[in-house]
Amino acid sequence: MNHLRLLITGGLGFIGSNFIRCLIKKHPSYYITNLDALTYAGNPVNLKNIEDHPNYTFIKGDIANENDVKEAMKEVDAVVNFAAETHVDRSITHPENFVRTNFTGTYVLLEYARKYDVERFLQISSDEVYGSIENGSFKETDALTPSSPYSASKAGADLLAKAYYDTYGLPVLITRSSNNFGPYQFPEKLVPLFTIKALSNQPLPLYGDGLNVRDWIYVKDNCTAISMVFQKGKVGEIYNIAAGNEKTNLEVTRFILKELGKPESLIHYVKDRPGHDRRYSLDTTKIRSLGWKPAHNFEEEMRKTIAWYLQNEWWWKPLMKQS
């Protein structure tokens, strides 16, 4: 795999751009083509420092557009599909965008990957496809019970990808990650949004009672896990990715406020979101058996992440108009 030709979709988004930076650092001989539609969450600034790298090519294109995909996938060995609409709130108001990108777009990618006989197709998914769990943790073999148009569109894409493996023998792998945090995350998500609002002493809109539980993973740990699955994973298999940092949304909110020296009176409880899952939790035995484990401490990296948003107002300020 020394001179692998890799198509990465959605590579200007939060996780995708972090993954490309990690990949270029670890595998400088890889040829990377980044296909991104440049929607509101795709930001060229995220990869400004590597746009002139000799092994990196950017193509503006939509994964749900057959012509765009056909052109981008002509000469690649493998595909990693990050491209997705991801914000649950937006999926409630505009579900059609999520079905088009997350499900139809994945279909188009799978179909051309089959036609071009790619060696690997890695579908990036989410812990949200399982739905909520009161006790214990979800295994990869558990049933999917998605609660939102977002998670349903991702679950549908997972099932379609698995079907392409079962029916056509397409060498598909699937990863399902827990909540990511880190630099370059679009400021509609909890950590950057609450950090930015707290800086200007604006109220932080916390859903319900704030006791919904999420398992947080630093984005670079997720990237190393995805890379591990790509390199060592068994085709046709699904791998959960999480770091074991289960926190209530209230705990994360209080951490941000404390780190910024802001009062908890900024917390503003708002009406709960429809279909708001209570708790996510993933069993990661399978990926740990490949030799992966998280390398970063939650509190330490959360502090660094908050500091990054403090130091990079130039990056997020123009985006706040879109969030």
Protein backbone atom coordinates (compact mmCIF):
# COMPACT_ATOMS: atom_id res chain seq x y z
CA MET A 1 0.00 0.00 0.00
CA ASN A 2 3.02 2.32 -0.37
CA HIS A 3 1.62 4.29 -3.32
CA LEU A 4 -2.07 3.80 -2.61
CA ARG A 5 -4.45 6.00 -4.60
CA LEU A 6 -7.15 6.98 -2.16
CA LEU A 7 -10.43 8.80 -2.71
CA ILE A 8 -11.64 10.55 0.44
CA THR A 9 -15.08 12.11 0.29
CA GLY A 10 -16.09 14.97 2.57
CA GLY A 11 -12.45 15.70 3.28
CA LEU A 12 -13.00 19.38 4.01
CA GLY A 13 -15.33 18.64 6.92
CA PHE A 14 -14.36 18.24 10.56
CA ILE A 15 -13.33 14.58 10.79
CA GLY A 16 -12.38 14.25 7.13
CA SER A 17 -9.89 17.12 7.21
CA ASN A 18 -8.33 15.84 10.44
CA PHE A 19 -8.05 12.39 8.85
CA ILE A 20 -6.33 13.72 5.72
CA ARG A 21 -3.80 15.67 7.81
CA CYS A 22 -3.03 12.54 9.85
CA LEU A 23 -2.79 10.41 6.70
CA ILE A 24 -0.38 12.72 4.87
CA LYS A 25 1.84 12.87 7.94
CA LYS A 26 1.92 9.08 8.40
CA HIS A 27 1.78 7.99 4.74
CA PRO A 28 3.34 10.77 2.63
CA SER A 29 3.53 8.47 -0.42
CA TYR A 30 -0.25 8.02 -0.63
CA TYR A 31 -2.03 9.83 -3.45
CA ILE A 32 -5.11 11.47 -1.98
CA THR A 33 -8.05 12.79 -3.97
CA ASN A 34 -10.50 14.78 -1.85
CA LEU A 35 -14.06 15.00 -3.23
CA ASP A 36 -16.11 17.58 -1.32
CA ALA A 37 -19.27 19.45 -2.28
CA LEU A 38 -18.28 22.53 -0.25
CA THR A 39 -21.55 22.73 1.61
CA TYR A 40 -21.72 25.01 4.68
CA ALA A 41 -19.67 22.51 6.74
CA GLY A 42 -16.94 22.00 4.14
CA ASN A 43 -14.24 24.62 4.62
CA PRO A 44 -11.21 24.91 2.27
CA VAL A 45 -9.30 26.67 5.08
CA ASN A 46 -9.29 23.36 6.98
CA LEU A 47 -6.64 21.99 4.59
CA LYS A 48 -5.02 25.23 3.47
CA ASN A 49 -1.62 24.05 4.71
CA ILE A 50 -1.58 20.99 2.42
CA GLU A 51 -3.40 22.22 -0.68
CA ASP A 52 -0.07 22.41 -2.58
CA HIS A 53 1.15 18.97 -1.47
CA PRO A 54 2.23 17.07 -4.62
CA ASN A 55 0.19 13.97 -3.66
CA TYR A 56 -3.01 15.86 -2.82
CA THR A 57 -5.80 16.77 -5.25
CA PHE A 58 -9.06 18.53 -4.48
CA ILE A 59 -12.18 18.06 -6.60
CA LYS A 60 -15.36 19.99 -5.93
CA GLY A 61 -18.17 17.48 -6.35
CA ASP A 62 -21.28 15.89 -4.91
CA ILE A 63 -21.33 12.20 -3.98
CA ALA A 64 -24.98 12.01 -5.07
CA ASN A 65 -24.01 13.21 -8.57
CA GLU A 66 -23.02 10.29 -10.79
CA ASN A 67 -20.85 12.38 -13.11
CA ASP A 68 -18.87 13.82 -10.21
CA VAL A 69 -18.30 10.40 -8.66
CA LYS A 70 -17.46 8.74 -11.98
CA GLU A 71 -14.77 11.34 -12.65
CA ALA A 72 -13.30 11.25 -9.13
CA MET A 73 -13.17 7.46 -8.88
CA LYS A 74 -11.57 6.72 -12.25
CA GLU A 75 -8.09 5.90 -10.97
CA VAL A 76 -8.31 5.08 -7.28
CA ASP A 77 -7.55 1.93 -5.31
CA ALA A 78 -9.75 2.61 -2.30
CA VAL A 79 -12.50 4.87 -0.96
CA VAL A 80 -13.13 6.34 2.50
CA ASN A 81 -16.58 7.94 2.68
CA PHE A 82 -16.79 10.76 5.24
CA ALA A 83 -19.23 12.83 3.18
CA ALA A 84 -22.47 13.27 5.09
CA GLU A 85 -24.99 15.68 6.47
CA THR A 86 -24.47 15.23 10.22
CA HIS A 87 -26.37 17.72 12.37
CA VAL A 88 -29.44 16.07 13.91
CA ASP A 89 -31.29 19.39 14.36
CA ARG A 90 -30.98 20.13 10.64
CA SER A 91 -32.22 16.61 9.79
CA ILE A 92 -35.43 17.32 11.69
CA THR A 93 -36.17 20.44 9.63
CA HIS A 94 -34.71 19.29 6.28
CA PRO A 95 -34.69 15.47 6.17
CA GLU A 96 -34.57 15.40 2.36
CA ASN A 97 -30.96 16.67 2.35
CA PHE A 98 -29.91 13.82 4.64
CA VAL A 99 -31.59 11.13 2.58
CA ARG A 100 -30.02 12.49 -0.61
CA THR A 101 -26.45 12.80 0.68
CA ASN A 102 -26.21 10.08 3.29
CA PHE A 103 -28.19 7.35 1.56
CA THR A 104 -28.35 8.13 -2.17
CA GLY A 105 -24.81 9.50 -2.15
CA THR A 106 -23.50 6.33 -0.53
CA TYR A 107 -25.36 4.27 -3.14
CA VAL A 108 -23.69 6.19 -5.98
CA LEU A 109 -20.26 5.70 -4.40
CA LEU A 110 -20.85 2.00 -3.83
CA GLU A 111 -22.06 1.50 -7.40
CA TYR A 112 -19.00 3.12 -8.96
CA ALA A 113 -16.67 1.42 -6.49
CA ARG A 114 -18.15 -1.85 -7.75
CA LYS A 115 -17.79 -0.84 -11.40
CA TYR A 116 -14.19 0.25 -10.91
CA ASP A 117 -13.35 -2.77 -8.74
CA VAL A 118 -11.83 -0.84 -5.80
CA GLU A 119 -9.75 -2.76 -3.27
CA ARG A 120 -11.34 -1.22 -0.15
CA PHE A 121 -14.47 0.80 0.62
CA LEU A 122 -14.63 2.22 4.13
CA GLN A 123 -18.00 3.65 5.16
CA ILE A 124 -17.80 6.12 8.05
CA SER A 125 -20.88 5.85 10.26
CA SER A 126 -22.11 6.83 13.71
CA ASP A 127 -23.07 5.36 17.07
CA GLU A 128 -26.47 7.01 16.57
CA VAL A 129 -27.60 4.25 14.19
CA TYR A 130 -28.11 1.96 17.22
CA GLY A 131 -30.47 4.35 18.99
CA SER A 132 -30.52 4.76 22.76
CA ILE A 133 -29.40 2.20 25.36
CA GLU A 134 -30.27 2.39 29.05
CA ASN A 135 -27.65 -0.04 30.35
CA GLY A 136 -24.63 -1.75 28.87
CA SER A 137 -23.05 -0.99 25.49
CA PHE A 138 -23.95 -1.73 21.89
CA LYS A 139 -22.06 -4.44 20.01
CA GLU A 140 -21.63 -4.37 16.24
CA THR A 141 -24.15 -7.20 15.88
CA ASP A 142 -26.96 -5.37 17.71
CA ALA A 143 -30.08 -4.23 15.88
CA LEU A 144 -30.25 -0.71 14.46
CA THR A 145 -33.03 1.44 15.91
CA PRO A 146 -32.32 4.99 14.69
CA SER A 147 -34.41 7.82 16.13
CA SER A 148 -33.80 10.78 13.79
CA PRO A 149 -33.77 11.32 10.02
CA TYR A 150 -29.99 11.75 10.35
CA SER A 151 -29.38 8.44 12.10
CA ALA A 152 -31.92 6.65 9.89
CA SER A 153 -30.14 7.87 6.75
CA LYS A 154 -26.82 6.66 8.13
CA ALA A 155 -28.29 3.30 9.16
CA GLY A 156 -29.72 2.89 5.68
CA ALA A 157 -26.31 3.62 4.17
CA ASP A 158 -24.67 1.04 6.47
CA LEU A 159 -27.17 -1.61 5.43
CA LEU A 160 -26.68 -0.79 1.77
CA ALA A 161 -22.90 -0.97 2.11
CA LYS A 162 -23.17 -4.35 3.84
CA ALA A 163 -25.51 -5.54 1.09
CA TYR A 164 -22.92 -4.61 -1.54
CA TYR A 165 -20.45 -6.82 0.29
CA ASP A 166 -22.91 -9.72 0.61
CA THR A 167 -24.29 -9.45 -2.94
CA TYR A 168 -21.37 -8.26 -5.05
CA GLY A 169 -18.37 -9.06 -2.89
CA LEU A 170 -17.38 -5.38 -2.71
CA PRO A 171 -14.67 -5.19 -0.01
CA VAL A 172 -16.64 -2.99 2.39
CA LEU A 173 -15.72 -2.01 5.96
CA ILE A 174 -17.84 0.10 8.31
CA THR A 175 -16.81 2.16 11.33
CA ARG A 176 -19.27 3.59 13.85
CA SER A 177 -17.79 6.37 15.96
CA SER A 178 -19.01 8.08 19.11
CA ASN A 179 -19.14 11.89 19.56
CA ASN A 180 -15.99 13.54 18.25
CA PHE A 181 -14.46 16.77 19.51
CA GLY A 182 -11.40 18.76 18.50
CA PRO A 183 -10.25 21.62 16.26
CA TYR A 184 -12.02 22.58 13.01
CA GLN A 185 -15.48 21.40 14.14
CA PHE A 186 -18.25 23.48 12.61
CA PRO A 187 -19.78 25.71 15.32
CA GLU A 188 -23.21 24.13 15.35
CA LYS A 189 -22.03 21.23 17.52
CA LEU A 190 -22.03 21.39 21.31
CA VAL A 191 -18.36 21.94 22.16
CA PRO A 192 -17.51 24.73 19.70
CA LEU A 193 -20.95 26.34 19.94
CA PHE A 194 -21.00 26.51 23.73
CA THR A 195 -17.37 27.65 23.85
CA ILE A 196 -18.03 30.49 21.42
CA LYS A 197 -21.28 31.55 23.09
CA ALA A 198 -19.72 31.49 26.55
CA LEU A 199 -16.89 33.74 25.37
CA SER A 200 -19.41 36.50 24.67
CA ASN A 201 -21.55 35.69 27.72
CA GLN A 202 -24.47 34.46 25.62
CA PRO A 203 -26.85 31.81 27.02
CA LEU A 204 -25.97 28.19 26.28
CA PRO A 205 -29.12 26.40 24.99
CA LEU A 206 -29.05 23.00 26.72
CA TYR A 207 -31.74 20.52 25.66
CA GLY A 208 -34.13 19.06 28.25
CA ASP A 209 -32.54 18.36 31.62
CA GLY A 210 -29.04 18.13 30.16
CA LEU A 211 -28.61 14.55 31.33
CA ASN A 212 -28.40 12.88 27.93
CA VAL A 213 -25.18 10.83 27.88
CA ARG A 214 -22.64 10.77 25.06
CA ASP A 215 -19.29 8.99 24.81
CA TRP A 216 -16.67 11.52 23.69
CA ILE A 217 -13.57 10.77 21.61
CA TYR A 218 -10.83 13.16 20.56
CA VAL A 219 -10.86 13.42 16.78
CA LYS A 220 -7.25 12.29 16.34
CA ASP A 221 -7.98 9.09 18.27
CA ASN A 222 -10.90 8.48 15.92
CA CYS A 223 -8.60 9.07 12.93
CA THR A 224 -6.05 6.51 14.14
CA ALA A 225 -8.87 4.03 14.72
CA ILE A 226 -10.27 4.56 11.22
CA SER A 227 -6.78 4.14 9.77
CA MET A 228 -6.35 0.92 11.76
CA VAL A 229 -9.61 -0.49 10.40
CA PHE A 230 -8.63 0.53 6.87
CA GLN A 231 -5.25 -1.20 7.18
CA LYS A 232 -6.10 -4.25 9.30
CA GLY A 233 -9.87 -4.63 9.39
CA LYS A 234 -11.58 -7.67 7.96
CA VAL A 235 -13.72 -6.88 4.92
CA GLY A 236 -17.45 -7.21 5.46
CA GLU A 237 -17.06 -6.29 9.15
CA ILE A 238 -18.23 -3.39 11.32
CA TYR A 239 -16.08 -1.75 14.01
CA ASN A 240 -17.30 0.45 16.86
CA ILE A 241 -14.98 3.33 17.82
CA ALA A 242 -15.20 5.02 21.22
CA ALA A 243 -12.89 6.11 24.03
CA GLY A 244 -14.98 5.34 27.12
CA ASN A 245 -15.55 8.97 28.09
CA GLU A 246 -19.27 8.89 28.89
CA LYS A 247 -20.44 12.33 30.00
CA THR A 248 -23.80 14.02 30.32
CA ASN A 249 -24.27 17.10 28.16
CA LEU A 250 -24.52 19.05 31.41
CA GLU A 251 -21.11 17.79 32.56
CA VAL A 252 -19.51 18.87 29.28
CA THR A 253 -21.23 22.24 29.47
CA ARG A 254 -20.02 22.81 33.03
CA PHE A 255 -16.47 21.80 32.01
CA ILE A 256 -16.46 24.42 29.25
CA LEU A 257 -17.78 27.13 31.57
CA LYS A 258 -15.27 26.31 34.29
CA GLU A 259 -12.38 26.29 31.81
CA LEU A 260 -13.42 29.73 30.54
CA GLY A 261 -14.12 31.10 34.01
CA LYS A 262 -17.76 31.72 33.19
CA PRO A 263 -20.77 31.31 35.53
CA GLU A 264 -23.20 28.39 35.31
CA SER A 265 -25.99 30.97 35.15
CA LEU A 266 -25.25 31.06 31.40
CA ILE A 267 -26.86 27.61 31.08
CA HIS A 268 -30.31 28.03 29.53
CA TYR A 269 -32.45 24.90 29.54
CA VAL A 270 -34.59 24.69 26.39
CA LYS A 271 -37.36 22.40 25.19
CA ASP A 272 -35.96 18.96 24.36
CA ARG A 273 -35.36 17.97 20.76
CA PRO A 274 -37.86 15.48 19.25
CA GLY A 275 -36.57 11.89 19.38
CA HIS A 276 -33.58 12.87 21.54
CA ASP A 277 -31.73 9.66 22.44
CA ARG A 278 -30.95 9.39 26.15
CA ARG A 279 -27.67 7.49 26.12
CA TYR A 280 -25.15 6.19 23.61
CA SER A 281 -22.54 3.61 24.55
CA LEU A 282 -20.36 1.39 22.37
CA ASP A 283 -18.57 -1.88 23.07
CA THR A 284 -15.10 -1.47 21.51
CA THR A 285 -13.72 -4.97 22.15
CA LYS A 286 -13.54 -5.68 18.43
CA ILE A 287 -11.38 -2.72 17.37
CA ARG A 288 -9.17 -3.06 20.43
CA SER A 289 -8.44 -6.61 19.27
CA LEU A 290 -6.80 -5.04 16.19
CA GLY A 291 -4.36 -3.28 18.53
CA TRP A 292 -6.03 0.15 18.76
CA LYS A 293 -6.66 2.10 21.93
CA PRO A 294 -7.21 5.83 22.54
CA ALA A 295 -4.00 7.75 23.17
CA HIS A 296 -5.46 11.02 24.44
CA ASN A 297 -6.92 12.10 27.78
CA PHE A 298 -10.43 13.59 27.60
CA GLU A 299 -9.89 16.51 30.03
CA GLU A 300 -6.51 17.44 28.59
CA GLU A 301 -7.69 17.42 24.97
CA MET A 302 -10.93 19.22 25.85
CA ARG A 303 -8.85 22.01 27.39
CA LYS A 304 -6.66 22.16 24.27
CA THR A 305 -9.77 22.19 22.06
CA ILE A 306 -11.32 25.06 23.99
CA ALA A 307 -8.00 26.90 23.75
CA TRP A 308 -7.93 26.30 19.98
CA TYR A 309 -11.28 28.04 19.54
CA LEU A 310 -10.05 30.86 21.79
CA GLN A 311 -6.96 31.32 19.62
CA ASN A 312 -8.64 30.91 16.22
CA GLU A 313 -11.46 33.39 16.17
CA TRP A 314 -10.50 34.17 12.54
CA TRP A 315 -11.56 30.59 11.65
CA TRP A 316 -14.95 30.39 13.36
CA LYS A 317 -16.24 33.95 13.30
CA PRO A 318 -17.25 33.91 9.61
CA LEU A 319 -18.95 30.52 10.15
CA MET A 320 -21.19 31.69 12.98
CA LYS A 321 -23.46 33.38 10.44
CA GLN A 322 -24.14 29.94 8.91
CA SER A 323 -24.60 27.91 12.12
